[in-house]
N, C-alpha and C. Protein backbone atom coordinates (compact mmCIF):
# COMPACT_ATOMS: atom_id res chain seq x y z
N MET A 1 -15.00 18.33 -6.76
CA MET A 1 -14.59 17.86 -7.66
C MET A 1 -15.87 17.01 -8.74
N MET A 2 -15.75 17.29 -10.06
CA MET A 2 -16.88 16.31 -10.44
C MET A 2 -15.79 15.01 -11.05
N VAL A 3 -17.28 13.91 -11.14
CA VAL A 3 -16.78 12.78 -11.59
C VAL A 3 -17.14 13.29 -13.15
N ASP A 4 -16.09 12.12 -13.91
CA ASP A 4 -16.14 12.42 -15.36
C ASP A 4 -17.65 11.01 -15.42
N LYS A 5 -18.54 11.63 -16.42
CA LYS A 5 -19.70 10.66 -16.60
C LYS A 5 -19.21 9.47 -17.10
N ARG A 6 -17.75 9.46 -18.27
CA ARG A 6 -17.19 8.00 -19.20
C ARG A 6 -16.77 7.28 -17.68
N GLU A 7 -16.02 7.92 -16.47
CA GLU A 7 -15.47 7.01 -16.05
C GLU A 7 -16.17 6.19 -15.13
N SER A 8 -17.62 6.15 -14.80
CA SER A 8 -18.51 5.45 -14.29
C SER A 8 -18.82 4.10 -15.25
N PHE A 9 -18.63 4.06 -16.22
CA PHE A 9 -18.87 3.23 -16.94
C PHE A 9 -17.67 2.09 -17.40
N LYS A 10 -16.32 2.59 -16.96
CA LYS A 10 -15.43 1.69 -17.13
C LYS A 10 -15.22 0.34 -15.98
N PHE A 11 -14.37 -0.43 -16.15
CA PHE A 11 -14.40 -1.72 -15.58
C PHE A 11 -13.14 -1.86 -15.10
N PRO A 12 -12.61 -1.03 -13.98
CA PRO A 12 -11.01 -1.24 -13.47
C PRO A 12 -10.60 -2.09 -12.97
N LYS A 13 -9.66 -2.34 -12.59
CA LYS A 13 -9.01 -3.77 -11.82
C LYS A 13 -9.60 -3.73 -10.25
N ARG A 14 -10.00 -2.84 -9.96
CA ARG A 14 -10.30 -2.54 -8.55
C ARG A 14 -11.82 -2.77 -7.95
N GLU A 15 -12.42 -3.19 -9.24
CA GLU A 15 -13.92 -3.88 -9.58
C GLU A 15 -14.29 -5.21 -9.89
N ARG A 16 -12.50 -5.72 -9.81
CA ARG A 16 -12.39 -7.15 -10.32
C ARG A 16 -12.37 -7.92 -9.07
N LEU A 17 -12.99 -9.28 -9.04
CA LEU A 17 -12.35 -10.29 -7.99
C LEU A 17 -11.18 -10.90 -8.85
N ILE A 18 -10.39 -10.94 -8.28
CA ILE A 18 -8.90 -11.46 -8.91
C ILE A 18 -8.24 -12.62 -8.28
N HIS A 19 -8.07 -12.67 -6.65
CA HIS A 19 -7.67 -13.71 -6.09
C HIS A 19 -8.63 -14.92 -6.07
N PRO A 20 -7.81 -16.00 -5.75
CA PRO A 20 -8.97 -17.64 -5.60
C PRO A 20 -9.71 -17.34 -4.12
N GLN A 21 -9.01 -17.09 -3.72
CA GLN A 21 -9.48 -16.46 -1.62
C GLN A 21 -10.83 -15.98 -1.65
N GLU A 22 -10.80 -14.74 -2.55
CA GLU A 22 -11.93 -13.82 -2.91
C GLU A 22 -13.07 -14.45 -3.18
N PHE A 23 -12.93 -15.52 -4.50
CA PHE A 23 -13.68 -15.99 -5.06
C PHE A 23 -14.19 -17.34 -3.99
N ARG A 24 -13.52 -18.13 -3.45
CA ARG A 24 -13.89 -18.78 -2.08
C ARG A 24 -14.80 -18.17 -1.10
N SER A 25 -14.37 -17.46 -0.38
CA SER A 25 -14.88 -16.47 0.32
C SER A 25 -16.59 -15.93 0.18
N VAL A 26 -16.52 -15.18 -1.23
CA VAL A 26 -18.02 -15.40 -1.42
C VAL A 26 -18.76 -16.11 -1.89
N MET A 27 -18.39 -17.39 -2.53
CA MET A 27 -19.17 -18.58 -2.40
C MET A 27 -19.28 -19.33 -1.57
N LYS A 28 -18.70 -19.61 -0.66
CA LYS A 28 -19.05 -20.14 0.96
C LYS A 28 -19.96 -19.31 1.73
N PHE A 29 -19.37 -18.22 1.89
CA PHE A 29 -20.00 -17.08 2.82
C PHE A 29 -21.15 -15.98 2.42
N GLY A 30 -21.03 -16.39 1.02
CA GLY A 30 -22.47 -15.48 0.14
C GLY A 30 -23.79 -16.08 0.17
N LYS A 31 -24.83 -15.35 -0.31
CA LYS A 31 -26.16 -15.91 -0.41
C LYS A 31 -25.62 -16.29 -1.91
N LYS A 32 -26.58 -17.48 -2.55
CA LYS A 32 -26.92 -17.78 -3.90
C LYS A 32 -27.86 -17.92 -4.52
N ILE A 33 -28.25 -17.18 -5.98
CA ILE A 33 -29.14 -17.47 -6.60
C ILE A 33 -29.00 -18.13 -7.66
N PRO A 34 -29.78 -19.13 -7.78
CA PRO A 34 -29.88 -20.05 -8.95
C PRO A 34 -30.88 -19.51 -10.24
N SER A 35 -30.04 -19.65 -11.85
CA SER A 35 -30.79 -19.25 -12.66
C SER A 35 -30.95 -20.65 -13.73
N ARG A 36 -31.39 -20.53 -15.15
CA ARG A 36 -31.31 -21.57 -15.66
C ARG A 36 -29.93 -21.80 -16.21
N ASN A 37 -29.39 -20.69 -16.58
CA ASN A 37 -27.87 -20.51 -16.77
C ASN A 37 -27.04 -20.01 -16.10
N LEU A 38 -27.14 -19.94 -15.02
CA LEU A 38 -26.23 -19.11 -14.16
C LEU A 38 -26.30 -19.19 -12.83
N ILE A 39 -25.27 -19.01 -11.74
CA ILE A 39 -25.61 -18.87 -10.35
C ILE A 39 -24.93 -17.41 -9.90
N LEU A 40 -25.82 -16.91 -9.13
CA LEU A 40 -25.08 -15.73 -8.72
C LEU A 40 -24.40 -15.72 -7.20
N PHE A 41 -23.57 -15.75 -6.94
CA PHE A 41 -22.96 -15.89 -5.24
C PHE A 41 -22.82 -14.18 -5.03
N PHE A 42 -23.45 -13.68 -3.70
CA PHE A 42 -22.85 -12.18 -3.82
C PHE A 42 -22.74 -11.97 -2.16
N LYS A 43 -21.77 -11.05 -1.69
CA LYS A 43 -21.79 -10.76 -0.52
C LYS A 43 -21.39 -9.39 -0.16
N GLU A 44 -21.71 -8.66 0.66
CA GLU A 44 -21.74 -7.47 0.98
C GLU A 44 -20.29 -6.84 1.39
N ASN A 45 -19.52 -6.16 0.98
CA ASN A 45 -18.20 -5.79 1.19
C ASN A 45 -18.09 -4.36 1.64
N ARG A 46 -16.72 -4.34 2.24
CA ARG A 46 -16.75 -3.17 3.05
C ARG A 46 -16.33 -1.56 1.79
N SER A 47 -16.06 -2.27 0.47
CA SER A 47 -15.09 -1.04 -0.13
C SER A 47 -16.53 -0.32 -0.82
N GLN A 48 -15.94 0.46 -1.56
CA GLN A 48 -16.75 1.66 -2.15
C GLN A 48 -17.54 1.30 -3.52
N VAL A 49 -17.12 0.11 -3.88
CA VAL A 49 -17.32 -0.11 -5.13
C VAL A 49 -18.03 -1.82 -5.10
N HIS A 50 -18.79 -1.75 -6.10
CA HIS A 50 -19.30 -3.62 -6.33
C HIS A 50 -17.93 -3.98 -7.41
N ARG A 51 -17.52 -5.38 -6.90
CA ARG A 51 -16.45 -6.25 -7.49
C ARG A 51 -17.06 -7.44 -8.19
N LEU A 52 -16.50 -7.97 -9.50
CA LEU A 52 -17.07 -9.00 -10.15
C LEU A 52 -16.40 -10.02 -10.46
N GLY A 53 -16.80 -11.02 -10.41
CA GLY A 53 -15.73 -12.28 -10.50
C GLY A 53 -16.69 -13.18 -11.18
N LEU A 54 -15.77 -14.12 -12.59
CA LEU A 54 -16.77 -14.96 -13.15
C LEU A 54 -15.54 -16.24 -13.32
N VAL A 55 -16.83 -17.26 -12.96
CA VAL A 55 -16.10 -18.68 -13.12
C VAL A 55 -16.90 -19.29 -14.25
N VAL A 56 -16.39 -19.87 -15.48
CA VAL A 56 -16.27 -20.72 -16.51
C VAL A 56 -15.83 -21.72 -16.57
N SER A 57 -16.18 -23.06 -16.62
CA SER A 57 -15.37 -24.33 -17.00
C SER A 57 -15.27 -24.48 -18.33
N LYS A 58 -14.21 -25.32 -18.17
CA LYS A 58 -14.28 -25.83 -20.15
C LYS A 58 -15.55 -26.53 -20.63
N GLU A 59 -16.19 -27.04 -19.58
CA GLU A 59 -17.35 -27.98 -19.98
C GLU A 59 -18.24 -27.17 -20.58
N VAL A 60 -18.42 -25.64 -20.65
CA VAL A 60 -19.20 -25.12 -20.68
C VAL A 60 -19.15 -25.13 -22.66
N GLY A 61 -18.40 -24.59 -23.00
CA GLY A 61 -17.93 -25.03 -24.60
C GLY A 61 -16.98 -24.81 -24.93
N SER A 62 -16.92 -23.88 -26.39
CA SER A 62 -15.76 -23.89 -27.16
C SER A 62 -15.27 -22.35 -26.30
N ALA A 63 -13.51 -22.10 -26.61
CA ALA A 63 -13.22 -21.02 -25.65
C ALA A 63 -13.87 -19.79 -26.37
N ALA A 64 -14.39 -19.61 -27.93
CA ALA A 64 -14.71 -18.41 -28.45
C ALA A 64 -16.21 -18.45 -27.75
N TYR A 65 -16.84 -19.27 -27.41
CA TYR A 65 -18.21 -19.25 -26.63
C TYR A 65 -17.96 -18.57 -25.45
N ARG A 66 -17.30 -19.54 -24.43
CA ARG A 66 -17.10 -19.16 -23.18
C ARG A 66 -16.54 -17.19 -23.02
N ASN A 67 -15.62 -16.75 -24.04
CA ASN A 67 -15.00 -15.46 -24.04
C ASN A 67 -16.25 -14.54 -24.16
N ARG A 68 -17.22 -15.39 -25.27
CA ARG A 68 -18.15 -14.55 -25.38
C ARG A 68 -19.42 -14.05 -24.25
N ILE A 69 -19.54 -15.31 -23.72
CA ILE A 69 -20.52 -15.12 -22.51
C ILE A 69 -19.83 -14.16 -21.38
N LYS A 70 -18.48 -14.27 -21.32
CA LYS A 70 -17.71 -13.44 -20.28
C LYS A 70 -18.04 -12.04 -20.51
N ARG A 71 -17.52 -11.84 -21.99
CA ARG A 71 -17.78 -10.59 -22.27
C ARG A 71 -19.17 -9.85 -21.90
N PHE A 72 -20.20 -10.70 -22.29
CA PHE A 72 -21.89 -10.30 -22.38
C PHE A 72 -22.01 -9.96 -20.97
N VAL A 73 -21.26 -10.43 -19.68
CA VAL A 73 -21.67 -10.49 -18.17
C VAL A 73 -20.79 -9.31 -18.06
N ARG A 74 -19.73 -9.18 -18.54
CA ARG A 74 -19.00 -7.91 -17.74
C ARG A 74 -19.44 -6.75 -18.59
N GLU A 75 -19.97 -6.76 -19.78
CA GLU A 75 -20.67 -5.43 -20.43
C GLU A 75 -22.02 -5.15 -19.40
N PHE A 76 -22.45 -6.18 -19.26
CA PHE A 76 -24.07 -5.70 -18.40
C PHE A 76 -23.34 -5.77 -16.95
N PHE A 77 -22.32 -5.63 -16.38
CA PHE A 77 -22.13 -5.17 -15.17
C PHE A 77 -21.04 -3.62 -15.39
N ARG A 78 -20.46 -3.66 -16.12
CA ARG A 78 -20.11 -2.28 -16.78
C ARG A 78 -21.36 -1.31 -16.50
N ARG A 79 -22.47 -1.30 -17.28
CA ARG A 79 -22.99 -0.45 -17.79
C ARG A 79 -24.15 -0.05 -16.77
N HIS A 80 -24.62 -1.48 -15.87
CA HIS A 80 -25.38 -1.14 -14.58
C HIS A 80 -24.81 -1.43 -12.92
N LYS A 81 -23.48 -1.26 -13.03
CA LYS A 81 -23.36 -1.47 -11.71
C LYS A 81 -23.56 -0.28 -10.77
N ASN A 82 -23.98 0.97 -11.18
CA ASN A 82 -24.54 2.09 -10.61
C ASN A 82 -26.03 2.12 -10.41
N GLU A 83 -26.54 1.07 -10.56
CA GLU A 83 -27.87 0.81 -10.64
C GLU A 83 -28.41 -0.53 -9.46
N ILE A 84 -27.09 -0.97 -8.98
CA ILE A 84 -26.91 -1.87 -8.17
C ILE A 84 -27.12 -1.34 -6.59
N GLN A 85 -28.05 -1.95 -5.93
CA GLN A 85 -28.10 -1.31 -4.24
C GLN A 85 -26.63 -1.99 -3.52
N GLY A 86 -26.48 -1.23 -2.92
CA GLY A 86 -25.45 -1.55 -2.02
C GLY A 86 -23.94 -1.33 -2.41
N THR A 87 -23.02 -2.34 -2.05
CA THR A 87 -21.64 -2.76 -2.34
C THR A 87 -21.40 -4.15 -2.19
N LEU A 88 -21.31 -4.94 -3.24
CA LEU A 88 -21.11 -6.07 -3.25
C LEU A 88 -19.98 -6.64 -3.97
N ASP A 89 -19.19 -7.86 -3.32
CA ASP A 89 -18.66 -8.92 -4.12
C ASP A 89 -19.37 -9.70 -4.55
N MET A 90 -19.54 -9.97 -6.14
CA MET A 90 -20.46 -11.13 -6.72
C MET A 90 -19.24 -11.98 -7.96
N VAL A 91 -20.29 -13.48 -7.72
CA VAL A 91 -19.25 -14.01 -8.12
C VAL A 91 -20.32 -14.72 -9.20
N ILE A 92 -20.23 -14.90 -10.69
CA ILE A 92 -21.19 -15.38 -11.61
C ILE A 92 -20.85 -16.31 -12.14
N LEU A 93 -21.55 -17.25 -11.73
CA LEU A 93 -20.82 -18.98 -12.23
C LEU A 93 -21.79 -19.37 -13.35
N ILE A 94 -21.15 -19.23 -14.68
CA ILE A 94 -21.63 -19.97 -15.88
C ILE A 94 -22.33 -21.56 -15.83
N ARG A 95 -23.13 -22.03 -16.01
CA ARG A 95 -23.73 -23.26 -15.87
C ARG A 95 -23.35 -23.93 -17.16
N LYS A 96 -22.66 -25.25 -16.95
CA LYS A 96 -22.08 -26.24 -18.06
C LYS A 96 -23.18 -26.14 -19.32
N ASN A 97 -24.30 -26.66 -18.69
CA ASN A 97 -25.67 -26.51 -20.26
C ASN A 97 -26.14 -24.85 -20.68
N CYS A 98 -25.24 -24.10 -20.16
CA CYS A 98 -25.40 -22.50 -20.85
C CYS A 98 -26.13 -22.69 -21.98
N THR A 99 -27.08 -21.35 -22.48
CA THR A 99 -27.83 -21.75 -23.92
C THR A 99 -27.87 -20.41 -24.19
N LEU A 100 -27.14 -19.62 -23.82
CA LEU A 100 -27.22 -17.81 -23.70
C LEU A 100 -26.42 -17.87 -25.15
N GLN A 101 -27.15 -17.48 -25.69
CA GLN A 101 -26.59 -16.79 -27.35
C GLN A 101 -26.43 -15.46 -27.73
N SER A 102 -27.30 -14.52 -27.18
CA SER A 102 -27.17 -13.09 -27.19
C SER A 102 -26.98 -12.13 -26.04
N TYR A 103 -26.44 -10.94 -26.11
CA TYR A 103 -26.01 -9.62 -25.11
C TYR A 103 -27.41 -9.63 -24.72
N GLN A 104 -28.74 -9.52 -25.18
CA GLN A 104 -29.68 -9.58 -25.05
C GLN A 104 -30.27 -10.46 -23.88
N GLU A 105 -29.91 -11.63 -24.43
CA GLU A 105 -30.09 -12.86 -23.65
C GLU A 105 -29.77 -13.13 -22.13
N THR A 106 -28.61 -12.56 -22.02
CA THR A 106 -27.53 -12.47 -20.97
C THR A 106 -27.87 -11.34 -19.99
N LYS A 107 -28.20 -10.18 -20.74
CA LYS A 107 -28.72 -9.01 -20.04
C LYS A 107 -30.16 -9.33 -19.23
N GLU A 108 -31.16 -9.77 -19.61
CA GLU A 108 -32.02 -10.36 -18.79
C GLU A 108 -32.18 -11.52 -17.82
N GLU A 109 -31.13 -12.34 -18.16
CA GLU A 109 -31.01 -13.25 -16.90
C GLU A 109 -30.28 -12.45 -16.16
N VAL A 110 -29.06 -12.05 -16.24
CA VAL A 110 -28.42 -11.43 -15.06
C VAL A 110 -29.16 -10.32 -14.73
N GLY A 111 -29.95 -9.22 -15.47
CA GLY A 111 -30.93 -8.51 -14.81
C GLY A 111 -32.00 -8.95 -13.49
N ARG A 112 -31.84 -10.20 -14.01
CA ARG A 112 -33.22 -10.70 -12.70
C ARG A 112 -32.64 -11.19 -11.66
N LEU A 113 -31.58 -11.82 -11.92
CA LEU A 113 -30.77 -12.15 -10.92
C LEU A 113 -30.24 -11.09 -9.76
N VAL A 114 -29.58 -9.67 -10.27
CA VAL A 114 -29.21 -8.96 -9.34
C VAL A 114 -30.29 -7.90 -9.40
N GLY A 115 -31.74 -8.41 -9.37
CA GLY A 115 -32.32 -7.66 -9.34
C GLY A 115 -33.00 -6.17 -9.82
N LEU A 116 -32.72 -6.34 -10.95
CA LEU A 116 -32.73 -4.89 -11.99
C LEU A 116 -33.87 -5.02 -13.06
N VAL A 117 -34.46 -6.18 -13.16
CA VAL A 117 -35.84 -6.49 -14.10
C VAL A 117 -37.07 -6.63 -13.27
């Protein structure tokens, strides 16, 4: 069976961390890599896919800014998930003093965190 190339660039529900206990598990038992604007928590999983969860406090900024940053991070994950080694559960926490303004800045910072840059 051939896998449709477009299929690999989607962000389906099975690739998302949804339940609070999943977030807690990754943040408590996983590894942590901080950067200026973000903190990456990650832990190996037993599924066939990477899973992503985002944490953005209301202290980060306006709702529009928070949504934009989440959209940038999800877009990076959607485009680059096939390049990340292993199968991981990842939680990206956006720090309250976050200064990211563009997709390019976000791509570089998240890329460094996950080891693609």
